[in-house]
Amino acid sequence: MLTYLLGDVLRIFAGHITPGEILGTKPSQGMWLFVAALMLIPIVMLVLTLTLKHPAIRWANIIVPVLLVVFNLFGFSGYLGTYDRFLLLVSFVFNALTVWYALKWAV
């Protein structure tokens, strides 16, 4: 989550985006809700990791990072800065580590 937020801040300061727009268009309230929900996923995963029983959280820690990587791959070519691609690659590494640790958990 912090890498995504850092990328957003750097894009603003670099002038690569216009505040209040997503991909050059003014987003609807539904789109802002989607963005807010997307940014909450890592926080929700932290809470679920502490509260869910073993089999459920193991699968959540396998499925959710894979979905985040797929989501980010669709937008990968649209990022302008080298810093964007670097931060996405860092997020891919952390997502891969999350899946790897979840797969290693003893049942």
PDB file of N, CA and C in Angstrom:
ATOM      1  N   MET A   1       0.829  -1.180   0.000  1.00  0.00           N
ATOM      2  CA  MET A   1       0.000   0.000   0.000  1.00  0.00           C
ATOM      3  C   MET A   1       0.875   1.245   0.000  1.00  0.00           C
ATOM      4  N   LEU A   2       1.920   1.240   0.795  1.00  0.00           N
ATOM      5  CA  LEU A   2       2.780   2.418   0.853  1.00  0.00           C
ATOM      6  C   LEU A   2       3.495   2.661  -0.471  1.00  0.00           C
ATOM      7  N   THR A   3       3.844   1.610  -1.190  1.00  0.00           N
ATOM      8  CA  THR A   3       4.479   1.819  -2.499  1.00  0.00           C
ATOM      9  C   THR A   3       3.492   2.441  -3.482  1.00  0.00           C
ATOM     10  N   TYR A   4       2.219   2.050  -3.405  1.00  0.00           N
ATOM     11  CA  TYR A   4       1.207   2.649  -4.288  1.00  0.00           C
ATOM     12  C   TYR A   4       1.022   4.129  -3.955  1.00  0.00           C
ATOM     13  N   LEU A   5       0.948   4.442  -2.674  1.00  0.00           N
ATOM     14  CA  LEU A   5       0.779   5.839  -2.262  1.00  0.00           C
ATOM     15  C   LEU A   5       1.996   6.681  -2.632  1.00  0.00           C
ATOM     16  N   LEU A   6       3.187   6.130  -2.442  1.00  0.00           N
ATOM     17  CA  LEU A   6       4.394   6.847  -2.805  1.00  0.00           C
ATOM     18  C   LEU A   6       4.404   7.135  -4.306  1.00  0.00           C
ATOM     19  N   GLY A   7       4.008   6.161  -5.105  1.00  0.00           N
ATOM     20  CA  GLY A   7       3.923   6.368  -6.552  1.00  0.00           C
ATOM     21  C   GLY A   7       2.954   7.491  -6.907  1.00  0.00           C
ATOM     22  N   ASP A   8       1.814   7.537  -6.222  1.00  0.00           N
ATOM     23  CA  ASP A   8       0.841   8.604  -6.469  1.00  0.00           C
ATOM     24  C   ASP A   8       1.422   9.971  -6.140  1.00  0.00           C
ATOM     25  N   VAL A   9       2.094  10.068  -5.008  1.00  0.00           N
ATOM     26  CA  VAL A   9       2.692  11.344  -4.605  1.00  0.00           C
ATOM     27  C   VAL A   9       3.775  11.761  -5.603  1.00  0.00           C
ATOM     28  N   LEU A  10       4.630  10.841  -5.981  1.00  0.00           N
ATOM     29  CA  LEU A  10       5.688  11.168  -6.937  1.00  0.00           C
ATOM     30  C   LEU A  10       5.117  11.578  -8.297  1.00  0.00           C
ATOM     31  N   ARG A  11       4.040  10.911  -8.748  1.00  0.00           N
ATOM     32  CA  ARG A  11       3.396  11.289 -10.014  1.00  0.00           C
ATOM     33  C   ARG A  11       2.870  12.713  -9.969  1.00  0.00           C
ATOM     34  N   ILE A  12       2.313  13.113  -8.836  1.00  0.00           N
ATOM     35  CA  ILE A  12       1.805  14.480  -8.685  1.00  0.00           C
ATOM     36  C   ILE A  12       2.959  15.476  -8.764  1.00  0.00           C
ATOM     37  N   PHE A  13       4.029  15.230  -7.997  1.00  0.00           N
ATOM     38  CA  PHE A  13       5.161  16.150  -7.987  1.00  0.00           C
ATOM     39  C   PHE A  13       5.903  16.174  -9.318  1.00  0.00           C
ATOM     40  N   ALA A  14       5.916  15.043 -10.030  1.00  0.00           N
ATOM     41  CA  ALA A  14       6.593  14.990 -11.328  1.00  0.00           C
ATOM     42  C   ALA A  14       5.760  15.644 -12.431  1.00  0.00           C
ATOM     43  N   GLY A  15       4.486  15.928 -12.143  1.00  0.00           N
ATOM     44  CA  GLY A  15       3.620  16.528 -13.149  1.00  0.00           C
ATOM     45  C   GLY A  15       3.075  15.530 -14.159  1.00  0.00           C
ATOM     46  N   HIS A  16       3.133  14.244 -13.830  1.00  0.00           N
ATOM     47  CA  HIS A  16       2.658  13.206 -14.744  1.00  0.00           C
ATOM     48  C   HIS A  16       1.151  12.993 -14.684  1.00  0.00           C
ATOM     49  N   ILE A  17       0.505  13.573 -13.686  1.00  0.00           N
ATOM     50  CA  ILE A  17      -0.954  13.457 -13.607  1.00  0.00           C
ATOM     51  C   ILE A  17      -1.544  14.817 -13.279  1.00  0.00           C
ATOM     52  N   THR A  18      -2.807  14.944 -13.608  1.00  0.00           N
ATOM     53  CA  THR A  18      -3.557  16.132 -13.218  1.00  0.00           C
ATOM     54  C   THR A  18      -4.415  15.749 -12.018  1.00  0.00           C
ATOM     55  N   PRO A  19      -4.237  16.433 -10.902  1.00  0.00           N
ATOM     56  CA  PRO A  19      -5.066  16.095  -9.740  1.00  0.00           C
ATOM     57  C   PRO A  19      -6.557  16.179 -10.066  1.00  0.00           C
ATOM     58  N   GLY A  20      -7.300  15.198  -9.571  1.00  0.00           N
ATOM     59  CA  GLY A  20      -8.737  15.148  -9.828  1.00  0.00           C
ATOM     60  C   GLY A  20      -9.104  14.390 -11.088  1.00  0.00           C
ATOM     61  N   GLU A  21      -8.109  13.818 -11.777  1.00  0.00           N
ATOM     62  CA  GLU A  21      -8.373  13.045 -12.987  1.00  0.00           C
ATOM     63  C   GLU A  21      -7.723  11.674 -12.878  1.00  0.00           C
ATOM     64  N   ILE A  22      -8.349  10.703 -13.541  1.00  0.00           N
ATOM     65  CA  ILE A  22      -7.769   9.368 -13.672  1.00  0.00           C
ATOM     66  C   ILE A  22      -7.758   9.051 -15.154  1.00  0.00           C
ATOM     67  N   LEU A  23      -6.568   8.829 -15.687  1.00  0.00           N
ATOM     68  CA  LEU A  23      -6.382   8.558 -17.116  1.00  0.00           C
ATOM     69  C   LEU A  23      -6.991   9.657 -17.985  1.00  0.00           C
ATOM     70  N   GLY A  24      -6.857  10.888 -17.531  1.00  0.00           N
ATOM     71  CA  GLY A  24      -7.311  12.026 -18.309  1.00  0.00           C
ATOM     72  C   GLY A  24      -8.791  12.336 -18.245  1.00  0.00           C
ATOM     73  N   THR A  25      -9.539  11.629 -17.419  1.00  0.00           N
ATOM     74  CA  THR A  25     -10.978  11.891 -17.295  1.00  0.00           C
ATOM     75  C   THR A  25     -11.338  12.164 -15.839  1.00  0.00           C
ATOM     76  N   LYS A  26     -12.421  12.869 -15.664  1.00  0.00           N
ATOM     77  CA  LYS A  26     -12.917  13.153 -14.316  1.00  0.00           C
ATOM     78  C   LYS A  26     -13.673  11.920 -13.829  1.00  0.00           C
ATOM     79  N   PRO A  27     -13.204  11.272 -12.768  1.00  0.00           N
ATOM     80  CA  PRO A  27     -13.840  10.043 -12.297  1.00  0.00           C
ATOM     81  C   PRO A  27     -15.172  10.305 -11.595  1.00  0.00           C
ATOM     82  N   SER A  28     -16.023   9.300 -11.646  1.00  0.00           N
ATOM     83  CA  SER A  28     -17.303   9.346 -10.940  1.00  0.00           C
ATOM     84  C   SER A  28     -17.070   8.991  -9.469  1.00  0.00           C
ATOM     85  N   GLN A  29     -18.103   9.158  -8.668  1.00  0.00           N
ATOM     86  CA  GLN A  29     -18.018   8.772  -7.263  1.00  0.00           C
ATOM     87  C   GLN A  29     -17.777   7.269  -7.129  1.00  0.00           C
ATOM     88  N   GLY A  30     -18.349   6.496  -8.042  1.00  0.00           N
ATOM     89  CA  GLY A  30     -18.132   5.050  -8.028  1.00  0.00           C
ATOM     90  C   GLY A  30     -16.678   4.685  -8.261  1.00  0.00           C
ATOM     91  N   MET A  31     -16.028   5.420  -9.150  1.00  0.00           N
ATOM     92  CA  MET A  31     -14.617   5.168  -9.428  1.00  0.00           C
ATOM     93  C   MET A  31     -13.759   5.520  -8.211  1.00  0.00           C
ATOM     94  N   TRP A  32     -14.081   6.637  -7.548  1.00  0.00           N
ATOM     95  CA  TRP A  32     -13.343   6.999  -6.333  1.00  0.00           C
ATOM     96  C   TRP A  32     -13.552   5.955  -5.237  1.00  0.00           C
ATOM     97  N   LEU A  33     -14.779   5.423  -5.155  1.00  0.00           N
ATOM     98  CA  LEU A  33     -15.060   4.366  -4.181  1.00  0.00           C
ATOM     99  C   LEU A  33     -14.218   3.130  -4.486  1.00  0.00           C
ATOM    100  N   PHE A  34     -14.098   2.780  -5.765  1.00  0.00           N
ATOM    101  CA  PHE A  34     -13.281   1.641  -6.177  1.00  0.00           C
ATOM    102  C   PHE A  34     -11.817   1.862  -5.787  1.00  0.00           C
ATOM    103  N   VAL A  35     -11.295   3.060  -6.047  1.00  0.00           N
ATOM    104  CA  VAL A  35      -9.906   3.378  -5.696  1.00  0.00           C
ATOM    105  C   VAL A  35      -9.707   3.281  -4.184  1.00  0.00           C
ATOM    106  N   ALA A  36     -10.656   3.821  -3.418  1.00  0.00           N
ATOM    107  CA  ALA A  36     -10.556   3.759  -1.958  1.00  0.00           C
ATOM    108  C   ALA A  36     -10.566   2.306  -1.480  1.00  0.00           C
ATOM    109  N   ALA A  37     -11.451   1.492  -2.036  1.00  0.00           N
ATOM    110  CA  ALA A  37     -11.526   0.078  -1.646  1.00  0.00           C
ATOM    111  C   ALA A  37     -10.235  -0.649  -2.019  1.00  0.00           C
ATOM    112  N   LEU A  38      -9.690  -0.337  -3.178  1.00  0.00           N
ATOM    113  CA  LEU A  38      -8.449  -0.965  -3.624  1.00  0.00           C
ATOM    114  C   LEU A  38      -7.302  -0.645  -2.674  1.00  0.00           C
ATOM    115  N   MET A  39      -7.238   0.597  -2.215  1.00  0.00           N
ATOM    116  CA  MET A  39      -6.163   0.990  -1.308  1.00  0.00           C
ATOM    117  C   MET A  39      -6.339   0.398   0.093  1.00  0.00           C
ATOM    118  N   LEU A  40      -7.550   0.004   0.437  1.00  0.00           N
ATOM    119  CA  LEU A  40      -7.790  -0.601   1.754  1.00  0.00           C
ATOM    120  C   LEU A  40      -7.454  -2.087   1.806  1.00  0.00           C
ATOM    121  N   ILE A  41      -7.295  -2.717   0.660  1.00  0.00           N
ATOM    122  CA  ILE A  41      -7.044  -4.166   0.631  1.00  0.00           C
ATOM    123  C   ILE A  41      -5.849  -4.560   1.496  1.00  0.00           C
ATOM    124  N   PRO A  42      -4.687  -3.899   1.396  1.00  0.00           N
ATOM    125  CA  PRO A  42      -3.562  -4.314   2.257  1.00  0.00           C
ATOM    126  C   PRO A  42      -3.859  -4.172   3.755  1.00  0.00           C
ATOM    127  N   ILE A  43      -4.600  -3.144   4.143  1.00  0.00           N
ATOM    128  CA  ILE A  43      -4.946  -2.967   5.553  1.00  0.00           C
ATOM    129  C   ILE A  43      -5.881  -4.080   6.012  1.00  0.00           C
ATOM    130  N   VAL A  44      -6.868  -4.395   5.192  1.00  0.00           N
ATOM    131  CA  VAL A  44      -7.805  -5.473   5.511  1.00  0.00           C
ATOM    132  C   VAL A  44      -7.064  -6.805   5.617  1.00  0.00           C
ATOM    133  N   MET A  45      -6.089  -7.020   4.742  1.00  0.00           N
ATOM    134  CA  MET A  45      -5.327  -8.267   4.783  1.00  0.00           C
ATOM    135  C   MET A  45      -4.526  -8.393   6.081  1.00  0.00           C
ATOM    136  N   LEU A  46      -4.013  -7.278   6.592  1.00  0.00           N
ATOM    137  CA  LEU A  46      -3.308  -7.327   7.878  1.00  0.00           C
ATOM    138  C   LEU A  46      -4.243  -7.767   8.997  1.00  0.00           C
ATOM    139  N   VAL A  47      -5.424  -7.187   9.028  1.00  0.00           N
ATOM    140  CA  VAL A  47      -6.387  -7.533  10.069  1.00  0.00           C
ATOM    141  C   VAL A  47      -6.832  -8.990   9.916  1.00  0.00           C
ATOM    142  N   LEU A  48      -7.101  -9.410   8.683  1.00  0.00           N
ATOM    143  CA  LEU A  48      -7.534 -10.790   8.457  1.00  0.00           C
ATOM    144  C   LEU A  48      -6.444 -11.787   8.836  1.00  0.00           C
ATOM    145  N   THR A  49      -5.189 -11.423   8.600  1.00  0.00           N
ATOM    146  CA  THR A  49      -4.091 -12.313   8.961  1.00  0.00           C
ATOM    147  C   THR A  49      -4.065 -12.575  10.465  1.00  0.00           C
ATOM    148  N   LEU A  50      -4.465 -11.591  11.231  1.00  0.00           N
ATOM    149  CA  LEU A  50      -4.483 -11.746  12.687  1.00  0.00           C
ATOM    150  C   LEU A  50      -5.754 -12.407  13.208  1.00  0.00           C
ATOM    151  N   THR A  51      -6.825 -12.407  12.415  1.00  0.00           N
ATOM    152  CA  THR A  51      -8.112 -12.870  12.939  1.00  0.00           C
ATOM    153  C   THR A  51      -8.648 -14.149  12.304  1.00  0.00           C
ATOM    154  N   LEU A  52      -8.315 -14.428  11.058  1.00  0.00           N
ATOM    155  CA  LEU A  52      -8.861 -15.623  10.404  1.00  0.00           C
ATOM    156  C   LEU A  52      -8.117 -16.884  10.829  1.00  0.00           C
ATOM    157  N   LYS A  53      -8.802 -18.001  10.733  1.00  0.00           N
ATOM    158  CA  LYS A  53      -8.182 -19.294  11.024  1.00  0.00           C
ATOM    159  C   LYS A  53      -7.236 -19.663   9.884  1.00  0.00           C
ATOM    160  N   HIS A  54      -6.368 -20.619  10.140  1.00  0.00           N
ATOM    161  CA  HIS A  54      -5.277 -20.961   9.241  1.00  0.00           C
ATOM    162  C   HIS A  54      -5.680 -21.267   7.796  1.00  0.00           C
ATOM    163  N   PRO A  55      -6.574 -22.181   7.505  1.00  0.00           N
ATOM    164  CA  PRO A  55      -6.805 -22.476   6.083  1.00  0.00           C
ATOM    165  C   PRO A  55      -7.353 -21.272   5.310  1.00  0.00           C
ATOM    166  N   ALA A  56      -8.230 -20.499   5.920  1.00  0.00           N
ATOM    167  CA  ALA A  56      -8.839 -19.365   5.220  1.00  0.00           C
ATOM    168  C   ALA A  56      -7.820 -18.270   4.932  1.00  0.00           C
ATOM    169  N   ILE A  57      -7.005 -17.923   5.898  1.00  0.00           N
ATOM    170  CA  ILE A  57      -6.038 -16.843   5.684  1.00  0.00           C
ATOM    171  C   ILE A  57      -4.929 -17.282   4.746  1.00  0.00           C
ATOM    172  N   ARG A  58      -4.609 -18.552   4.767  1.00  0.00           N
ATOM    173  CA  ARG A  58      -3.593 -19.037   3.824  1.00  0.00           C
ATOM    174  C   ARG A  58      -4.060 -18.802   2.398  1.00  0.00           C
ATOM    175  N   TRP A  59      -5.297 -19.181   2.100  1.00  0.00           N
ATOM    176  CA  TRP A  59      -5.812 -18.992   0.743  1.00  0.00           C
ATOM    177  C   TRP A  59      -5.991 -17.514   0.409  1.00  0.00           C
ATOM    178  N   ALA A  60      -6.384 -16.719   1.380  1.00  0.00           N
ATOM    179  CA  ALA A  60      -6.514 -15.278   1.141  1.00  0.00           C
ATOM    180  C   ALA A  60      -5.150 -14.671   0.807  1.00  0.00           C
ATOM    181  N   ASN A  61      -4.102 -15.133   1.502  1.00  0.00           N
ATOM    182  CA  ASN A  61      -2.755 -14.626   1.253  1.00  0.00           C
ATOM    183  C   ASN A  61      -2.137 -15.173  -0.028  1.00  0.00           C
ATOM    184  N   ILE A  62      -2.780 -16.117  -0.651  1.00  0.00           N
ATOM    185  CA  ILE A  62      -2.348 -16.598  -1.968  1.00  0.00           C
ATOM    186  C   ILE A  62      -3.141 -15.887  -3.067  1.00  0.00           C
ATOM    187  N   ILE A  63      -4.438 -15.795  -2.894  1.00  0.00           N
ATOM    188  CA  ILE A  63      -5.310 -15.255  -3.943  1.00  0.00           C
ATOM    189  C   ILE A  63      -5.205 -13.737  -4.079  1.00  0.00           C
ATOM    190  N   VAL A  64      -5.275 -13.015  -2.985  1.00  0.00           N
ATOM    191  CA  VAL A  64      -5.303 -11.543  -3.049  1.00  0.00           C
ATOM    192  C   VAL A  64      -4.033 -10.962  -3.679  1.00  0.00           C
ATOM    193  N   PRO A  65      -2.828 -11.384  -3.288  1.00  0.00           N
ATOM    194  CA  PRO A  65      -1.642 -10.821  -3.949  1.00  0.00           C
ATOM    195  C   PRO A  65      -1.583 -11.123  -5.451  1.00  0.00           C
ATOM    196  N   VAL A  66      -2.025 -12.308  -5.831  1.00  0.00           N
ATOM    197  CA  VAL A  66      -2.048 -12.647  -7.264  1.00  0.00           C
ATOM    198  C   VAL A  66      -3.002 -11.702  -8.004  1.00  0.00           C
ATOM    199  N   LEU A  67      -4.167 -11.437  -7.425  1.00  0.00           N
ATOM    200  CA  LEU A  67      -5.116 -10.514  -8.049  1.00  0.00           C
ATOM    201  C   LEU A  67      -4.550  -9.093  -8.133  1.00  0.00           C
ATOM    202  N   LEU A  68      -3.831  -8.658  -7.108  1.00  0.00           N
ATOM    203  CA  LEU A  68      -3.212  -7.329  -7.137  1.00  0.00           C
ATOM    204  C   LEU A  68      -2.153  -7.231  -8.227  1.00  0.00           C
ATOM    205  N   VAL A  69      -1.364  -8.278  -8.408  1.00  0.00           N
ATOM    206  CA  VAL A  69      -0.358  -8.275  -9.474  1.00  0.00           C
ATOM    207  C   VAL A  69      -1.031  -8.217 -10.839  1.00  0.00           C
ATOM    208  N   VAL A  70      -2.059  -9.022 -11.040  1.00  0.00           N
ATOM    209  CA  VAL A  70      -2.779  -9.012 -12.323  1.00  0.00           C
ATOM    210  C   VAL A  70      -3.375  -7.629 -12.582  1.00  0.00           C
ATOM    211  N   PHE A  71      -3.989  -7.037 -11.566  1.00  0.00           N
ATOM    212  CA  PHE A  71      -4.560  -5.698 -11.704  1.00  0.00           C
ATOM    213  C   PHE A  71      -3.494  -4.689 -12.113  1.00  0.00           C
ATOM    214  N   ASN A  72      -2.335  -4.739 -11.460  1.00  0.00           N
ATOM    215  CA  ASN A  72      -1.262  -3.791 -11.762  1.00  0.00           C
ATOM    216  C   ASN A  72      -0.606  -4.048 -13.109  1.00  0.00           C
ATOM    217  N   LEU A  73      -0.591  -5.292 -13.568  1.00  0.00           N
ATOM    218  CA  LEU A  73      -0.024  -5.579 -14.889  1.00  0.00           C
ATOM    219  C   LEU A  73      -0.831  -4.918 -16.007  1.00  0.00           C
ATOM    220  N   PHE A  74      -2.141  -4.798 -15.818  1.00  0.00           N
ATOM    221  CA  PHE A  74      -2.972  -4.147 -16.832  1.00  0.00           C
ATOM    222  C   PHE A  74      -2.611  -2.672 -16.987  1.00  0.00           C
ATOM    223  N   GLY A  75      -2.184  -2.021 -15.922  1.00  0.00           N
ATOM    224  CA  GLY A  75      -1.849  -0.610 -15.995  1.00  0.00           C
ATOM    225  C   GLY A  75      -0.368  -0.324 -16.096  1.00  0.00           C
ATOM    226  N   PHE A  76       0.457  -1.365 -16.142  1.00  0.00           N
ATOM    227  CA  PHE A  76       1.913  -1.197 -16.101  1.00  0.00           C
ATOM    228  C   PHE A  76       2.434  -0.309 -17.220  1.00  0.00           C
ATOM    229  N   SER A  77       1.929  -0.478 -18.433  1.00  0.00           N
ATOM    230  CA  SER A  77       2.453   0.292 -19.571  1.00  0.00           C
ATOM    231  C   SER A  77       2.039   1.758 -19.509  1.00  0.00           C
ATOM    232  N   GLY A  78       1.007   2.099 -18.731  1.00  0.00           N
ATOM    233  CA  GLY A  78       0.541   3.471 -18.657  1.00  0.00           C
ATOM    234  C   GLY A  78       1.336   4.356 -17.724  1.00  0.00           C
ATOM    235  N   TYR A  79       2.256   3.780 -16.974  1.00  0.00           N
ATOM    236  CA  TYR A  79       3.036   4.580 -16.039  1.00  0.00           C
ATOM    237  C   TYR A  79       4.209   5.221 -16.769  1.00  0.00           C
ATOM    238  N   LEU A  80       4.408   6.511 -16.527  1.00  0.00           N
ATOM    239  CA  LEU A  80       5.391   7.270 -17.284  1.00  0.00           C
ATOM    240  C   LEU A  80       6.789   7.238 -16.707  1.00  0.00           C
ATOM    241  N   GLY A  81       6.891   7.246 -15.397  1.00  0.00           N
ATOM    242  CA  GLY A  81       8.194   7.397 -14.771  1.00  0.00           C
ATOM    243  C   GLY A  81       8.877   6.082 -14.466  1.00  0.00           C
ATOM    244  N   THR A  82      10.199   6.134 -14.467  1.00  0.00           N
ATOM    245  CA  THR A  82      10.989   4.980 -14.053  1.00  0.00           C
ATOM    246  C   THR A  82      10.686   4.644 -12.602  1.00  0.00           C
ATOM    247  N   TYR A  83      10.445   5.682 -11.791  1.00  0.00           N
ATOM    248  CA  TYR A  83      10.095   5.467 -10.383  1.00  0.00           C
ATOM    249  C   TYR A  83       8.807   4.655 -10.258  1.00  0.00           C
ATOM    250  N   ASP A  84       7.833   4.883 -11.169  1.00  0.00           N
ATOM    251  CA  ASP A  84       6.585   4.112 -11.161  1.00  0.00           C
ATOM    252  C   ASP A  84       6.856   2.633 -11.375  1.00  0.00           C
ATOM    253  N   ARG A  85       7.632   2.357 -12.381  1.00  0.00           N
ATOM    254  CA  ARG A  85       7.919   0.956 -12.702  1.00  0.00           C
ATOM    255  C   ARG A  85       8.728   0.294 -11.595  1.00  0.00           C
ATOM    256  N   PHE A  86       9.655   1.047 -11.014  1.00  0.00           N
ATOM    257  CA  PHE A  86      10.432   0.514  -9.899  1.00  0.00           C
ATOM    258  C   PHE A  86       9.521   0.171  -8.721  1.00  0.00           C
ATOM    259  N   LEU A  87       8.631   1.095  -8.361  1.00  0.00           N
ATOM    260  CA  LEU A  87       7.732   0.846  -7.225  1.00  0.00           C
ATOM    261  C   LEU A  87       6.778  -0.313  -7.515  1.00  0.00           C
ATOM    262  N   LEU A  88       6.320  -0.442  -8.761  1.00  0.00           N
ATOM    263  CA  LEU A  88       5.472  -1.589  -9.096  1.00  0.00           C
ATOM    264  C   LEU A  88       6.242  -2.897  -8.998  1.00  0.00           C
ATOM    265  N   LEU A  89       7.483  -2.884  -9.460  1.00  0.00           N
ATOM    266  CA  LEU A  89       8.298  -4.095  -9.334  1.00  0.00           C
ATOM    267  C   LEU A  89       8.528  -4.447  -7.864  1.00  0.00           C
ATOM    268  N   VAL A  90       8.743  -3.439  -7.025  1.00  0.00           N
ATOM    269  CA  VAL A  90       8.885  -3.690  -5.589  1.00  0.00           C
ATOM    270  C   VAL A  90       7.595  -4.303  -5.043  1.00  0.00           C
ATOM    271  N   SER A  91       6.445  -3.773  -5.451  1.00  0.00           N
ATOM    272  CA  SER A  91       5.179  -4.333  -4.972  1.00  0.00           C
ATOM    273  C   SER A  91       4.996  -5.763  -5.476  1.00  0.00           C
ATOM    274  N   PHE A  92       5.452  -6.054  -6.703  1.00  0.00           N
ATOM    275  CA  PHE A  92       5.365  -7.423  -7.224  1.00  0.00           C
ATOM    276  C   PHE A  92       6.218  -8.364  -6.371  1.00  0.00           C
ATOM    277  N   VAL A  93       7.399  -7.905  -5.965  1.00  0.00           N
ATOM    278  CA  VAL A  93       8.275  -8.735  -5.126  1.00  0.00           C
ATOM    279  C   VAL A  93       7.605  -9.016  -3.781  1.00  0.00           C
ATOM    280  N   PHE A  94       7.033  -7.988  -3.168  1.00  0.00           N
ATOM    281  CA  PHE A  94       6.368  -8.202  -1.874  1.00  0.00           C
ATOM    282  C   PHE A  94       5.147  -9.104  -2.012  1.00  0.00           C
ATOM    283  N   ASN A  95       4.406  -8.959  -3.107  1.00  0.00           N
ATOM    284  CA  ASN A  95       3.265  -9.853  -3.336  1.00  0.00           C
ATOM    285  C   ASN A  95       3.731 -11.285  -3.543  1.00  0.00           C
ATOM    286  N   ALA A  96       4.825 -11.466  -4.275  1.00  0.00           N
ATOM    287  CA  ALA A  96       5.369 -12.809  -4.486  1.00  0.00           C
ATOM    288  C   ALA A  96       5.848 -13.416  -3.163  1.00  0.00           C
ATOM    289  N   LEU A  97       6.483 -12.603  -2.327  1.00  0.00           N
ATOM    290  CA  LEU A  97       6.915 -13.093  -1.019  1.00  0.00           C
ATOM    291  C   LEU A  97       5.726 -13.501  -0.147  1.00  0.00           C
ATOM    292  N   THR A  98       4.654 -12.729  -0.211  1.00  0.00           N
ATOM    293  CA  THR A  98       3.450 -13.064   0.555  1.00  0.00           C
ATOM    294  C   THR A  98       2.909 -14.415   0.121  1.00  0.00           C
ATOM    295  N   VAL A  99       2.825 -14.641  -1.190  1.00  0.00           N
ATOM    296  CA  VAL A  99       2.338 -15.928  -1.707  1.00  0.00           C
ATOM    297  C   VAL A  99       3.291 -17.048  -1.303  1.00  0.00           C
ATOM    298  N   TRP A 100       4.591 -16.812  -1.422  1.00  0.00           N
ATOM    299  CA  TRP A 100       5.573 -17.841  -1.092  1.00  0.00           C
ATOM    300  C   TRP A 100       5.481 -18.249   0.376  1.00  0.00           C
ATOM    301  N   TYR A 101       5.399 -17.260   1.271  1.00  0.00           N
ATOM    302  CA  TYR A 101       5.268 -17.585   2.700  1.00  0.00           C
ATOM    303  C   TYR A 101       3.964 -18.304   2.993  1.00  0.00           C
ATOM    304  N   ALA A 102       2.891 -17.900   2.319  1.00  0.00           N
ATOM    305  CA  ALA A 102       1.607 -18.576   2.531  1.00  0.00           C
ATOM    306  C   ALA A 102       1.668 -20.031   2.068  1.00  0.00           C
ATOM    307  N   LEU A 103       2.365 -20.273   0.971  1.00  0.00           N
ATOM    308  CA  LEU A 103       2.505 -21.645   0.478  1.00  0.00           C
ATOM    309  C   LEU A 103       3.365 -22.491   1.411  1.00  0.00           C
ATOM    310  N   LYS A 104       4.313 -21.876   2.093  1.00  0.00           N
ATOM    311  CA  LYS A 104       5.208 -22.597   2.995  1.00  0.00           C
ATOM    312  C   LYS A 104       4.583 -22.907   4.348  1.00  0.00           C
ATOM    313  N   TRP A 105       3.477 -22.215   4.685  1.00  0.00           N
ATOM    314  CA  TRP A 105       2.850 -22.451   5.994  1.00  0.00           C
ATOM    315  C   TRP A 105       2.487 -23.915   6.135  1.00  0.00           C
ATOM    316  N   ALA A 106       2.804 -24.476   7.281  1.00  0.00           N
ATOM    317  CA  ALA A 106       2.426 -25.862   7.550  1.00  0.00           C
ATOM    318  C   ALA A 106       0.917 -25.924   7.812  1.00  0.00           C
ATOM    319  N   VAL A 107       0.311 -26.946   7.267  1.00  0.00           N
ATOM    320  CA  VAL A 107      -1.148 -27.091   7.411  1.00  0.00           C
ATOM    321  C   VAL A 107      -1.497 -27.705   8.743  1.00  0.00           C
TER     322      VAL A 107
END
